[in-house]
Amino acid sequence: MTPTVHGLELRPGDEVDDRDIPVCHGEPMLRAGLVFACSSCPTVVEYADGLVFDIRT
């Protein structure tokens, strides 16, 4: 599943506010610093310098 912020699908290089929490499977992802993990699947989103740095599934 592709994570979203404000209803828009995230891709590496997208600009984000560090306070924006991605949503996956309709639920906010779990936050650990600037790394977010889905509780329903292995998807991980990583932010760096105001950008989506990486999305791993």
N, C-alpha and C. Protein backbone atom coordinates (compact mmCIF):
# COMPACT_ATOMS: atom_id res chain seq x y z
N MET A 1 0.85 -1.17 0.00
CA MET A 1 0.00 0.00 0.00
C MET A 1 0.89 1.24 0.00
N THR A 2 0.53 2.25 -0.76
CA THR A 2 1.29 3.49 -0.82
C THR A 2 0.82 4.44 0.27
N PRO A 3 1.73 4.88 1.13
CA PRO A 3 1.36 5.83 2.19
C PRO A 3 0.93 7.17 1.59
N THR A 4 0.10 7.88 2.32
CA THR A 4 -0.39 9.19 1.89
C THR A 4 -0.22 10.22 3.00
N VAL A 5 -0.21 11.49 2.61
CA VAL A 5 -0.28 12.62 3.53
C VAL A 5 -1.29 13.58 2.93
N HIS A 6 -2.29 13.95 3.70
CA HIS A 6 -3.36 14.84 3.23
C HIS A 6 -4.01 14.28 1.97
N GLY A 7 -4.11 12.95 1.88
CA GLY A 7 -4.77 12.31 0.75
C GLY A 7 -3.93 12.15 -0.50
N LEU A 8 -2.68 12.63 -0.48
CA LEU A 8 -1.80 12.52 -1.65
C LEU A 8 -0.78 11.41 -1.43
N GLU A 9 -0.60 10.56 -2.45
CA GLU A 9 0.38 9.48 -2.35
C GLU A 9 1.79 10.03 -2.22
N LEU A 10 2.57 9.44 -1.34
CA LEU A 10 3.96 9.87 -1.13
C LEU A 10 4.90 9.14 -2.06
N ARG A 11 5.92 9.87 -2.50
CA ARG A 11 6.99 9.30 -3.31
C ARG A 11 8.30 9.91 -2.82
N PRO A 12 9.43 9.19 -2.93
CA PRO A 12 10.71 9.77 -2.55
C PRO A 12 10.93 11.10 -3.29
N GLY A 13 11.40 12.10 -2.55
CA GLY A 13 11.64 13.41 -3.11
C GLY A 13 10.51 14.40 -2.90
N ASP A 14 9.32 13.91 -2.48
CA ASP A 14 8.20 14.80 -2.20
C ASP A 14 8.53 15.68 -0.99
N GLU A 15 8.11 16.96 -1.05
CA GLU A 15 8.26 17.86 0.09
C GLU A 15 7.21 17.52 1.14
N VAL A 16 7.63 17.52 2.41
CA VAL A 16 6.72 17.26 3.53
C VAL A 16 7.09 18.16 4.70
N ASP A 17 6.12 18.38 5.55
CA ASP A 17 6.37 19.04 6.82
C ASP A 17 6.72 17.91 7.79
N ASP A 18 7.78 18.07 8.56
CA ASP A 18 8.21 17.01 9.48
C ASP A 18 7.12 16.61 10.46
N ARG A 19 6.10 17.47 10.64
CA ARG A 19 4.99 17.15 11.54
C ARG A 19 3.89 16.34 10.87
N ASP A 20 3.95 16.21 9.53
CA ASP A 20 2.94 15.42 8.80
C ASP A 20 3.18 13.94 9.04
N ILE A 21 2.15 13.26 9.50
CA ILE A 21 2.25 11.83 9.76
C ILE A 21 1.58 11.07 8.60
N PRO A 22 2.34 10.22 7.91
CA PRO A 22 1.75 9.46 6.81
C PRO A 22 0.65 8.52 7.30
N VAL A 23 -0.25 8.20 6.39
CA VAL A 23 -1.35 7.28 6.66
C VAL A 23 -1.17 6.07 5.75
N CYS A 24 -1.33 4.89 6.31
CA CYS A 24 -1.23 3.64 5.55
C CYS A 24 -2.37 2.74 6.03
N HIS A 25 -3.11 2.14 5.13
CA HIS A 25 -4.26 1.30 5.47
C HIS A 25 -5.29 2.08 6.29
N GLY A 26 -5.39 3.39 6.04
CA GLY A 26 -6.38 4.21 6.72
C GLY A 26 -6.03 4.60 8.14
N GLU A 27 -4.84 4.25 8.61
CA GLU A 27 -4.40 4.56 9.97
C GLU A 27 -3.09 5.34 9.96
N PRO A 28 -2.92 6.29 10.89
CA PRO A 28 -1.64 6.99 10.99
C PRO A 28 -0.51 5.99 11.25
N MET A 29 0.61 6.23 10.61
CA MET A 29 1.76 5.36 10.80
C MET A 29 2.42 5.67 12.15
N LEU A 30 3.10 4.69 12.72
CA LEU A 30 3.79 4.85 14.01
C LEU A 30 5.09 5.60 13.79
N ARG A 31 5.34 6.59 14.64
CA ARG A 31 6.49 7.47 14.45
C ARG A 31 7.63 7.14 15.41
N ALA A 32 8.85 7.13 14.86
CA ALA A 32 10.08 7.00 15.65
C ALA A 32 11.05 8.02 15.08
N GLY A 33 11.02 9.24 15.60
CA GLY A 33 11.84 10.31 15.03
C GLY A 33 11.27 10.74 13.70
N LEU A 34 12.05 10.60 12.64
CA LEU A 34 11.59 10.92 11.29
C LEU A 34 11.38 9.66 10.45
N VAL A 35 11.17 8.54 11.13
CA VAL A 35 10.88 7.26 10.48
C VAL A 35 9.49 6.83 10.92
N PHE A 36 8.68 6.41 9.96
CA PHE A 36 7.30 6.02 10.23
C PHE A 36 7.09 4.59 9.75
N ALA A 37 6.41 3.78 10.57
CA ALA A 37 6.16 2.38 10.24
C ALA A 37 4.67 2.09 10.29
N CYS A 38 4.20 1.31 9.33
CA CYS A 38 2.80 0.91 9.30
C CYS A 38 2.61 -0.24 10.30
N SER A 39 1.49 -0.22 11.01
CA SER A 39 1.20 -1.30 11.96
C SER A 39 0.52 -2.48 11.28
N SER A 40 0.13 -2.34 10.00
CA SER A 40 -0.59 -3.40 9.29
C SER A 40 0.24 -4.11 8.22
N CYS A 41 1.37 -3.50 7.82
CA CYS A 41 2.21 -4.09 6.78
C CYS A 41 3.65 -3.63 7.02
N PRO A 42 4.61 -4.12 6.24
CA PRO A 42 6.01 -3.76 6.48
C PRO A 42 6.46 -2.41 5.90
N THR A 43 5.54 -1.57 5.45
CA THR A 43 5.89 -0.29 4.85
C THR A 43 6.52 0.66 5.87
N VAL A 44 7.63 1.29 5.46
CA VAL A 44 8.35 2.27 6.28
C VAL A 44 8.59 3.51 5.42
N VAL A 45 8.34 4.69 5.99
CA VAL A 45 8.60 5.97 5.33
C VAL A 45 9.64 6.72 6.15
N GLU A 46 10.64 7.28 5.47
CA GLU A 46 11.68 8.03 6.17
C GLU A 46 11.75 9.44 5.59
N TYR A 47 11.74 10.44 6.48
CA TYR A 47 11.87 11.84 6.09
C TYR A 47 13.30 12.30 6.35
N ALA A 48 13.75 13.26 5.56
CA ALA A 48 15.05 13.90 5.79
C ALA A 48 15.05 15.27 5.13
N ASP A 49 15.38 16.30 5.89
CA ASP A 49 15.50 17.67 5.37
C ASP A 49 14.24 18.15 4.66
N GLY A 50 13.05 17.83 5.19
CA GLY A 50 11.82 18.31 4.61
C GLY A 50 11.35 17.57 3.37
N LEU A 51 11.97 16.41 3.10
CA LEU A 51 11.60 15.60 1.95
C LEU A 51 11.34 14.16 2.36
N VAL A 52 10.57 13.46 1.55
CA VAL A 52 10.45 12.01 1.73
C VAL A 52 11.77 11.44 1.22
N PHE A 53 12.56 10.86 2.11
CA PHE A 53 13.87 10.32 1.74
C PHE A 53 13.74 8.92 1.16
N ASP A 54 12.91 8.07 1.78
CA ASP A 54 12.82 6.67 1.34
C ASP A 54 11.47 6.10 1.73
N ILE A 55 10.97 5.18 0.92
CA ILE A 55 9.78 4.39 1.24
C ILE A 55 10.15 2.94 0.97
N ARG A 56 10.06 2.13 2.01
CA ARG A 56 10.41 0.70 1.87
C ARG A 56 9.16 -0.14 2.17
N THR A 57 8.99 -1.18 1.40
CA THR A 57 7.85 -2.09 1.64
C THR A 57 8.35 -3.50 1.86
